[in-house]
Amino acid sequence: MLGYVPEYMNNVALTAGAITSYGILVSTNGTTFTEATSGSWAADGKMKIATFGPVAARYVRLEARAFNGRNAAATEITVGARR
């Protein structure tokens, strides 16, 4: 799973920069990436979760395919197993 928290400033969630369409890519060598999952999220300040099946990976990439405003932004990104 990958958890993503949009940008916060002074404990207030910002929707500018919120990722609304994403791809999660994984790699064992940091050079060749394959897509583990993709999807869309609401443009709000709540934590987002992307789940996908078990994969062997050393590197995980969050690709922002669409977002609010001029740039994608994040306060926190977490990767791990959802148990």
Foldseek 3Di string as FASTA:
>chain_A
DKKFFFDDDPNHFDLAQAQFWKWKWFDAPVPDIDTQDIDGDDSTGDMDDDDGDDDDGDDIDIGRPDGHHDHHGTPDMDDDDDD
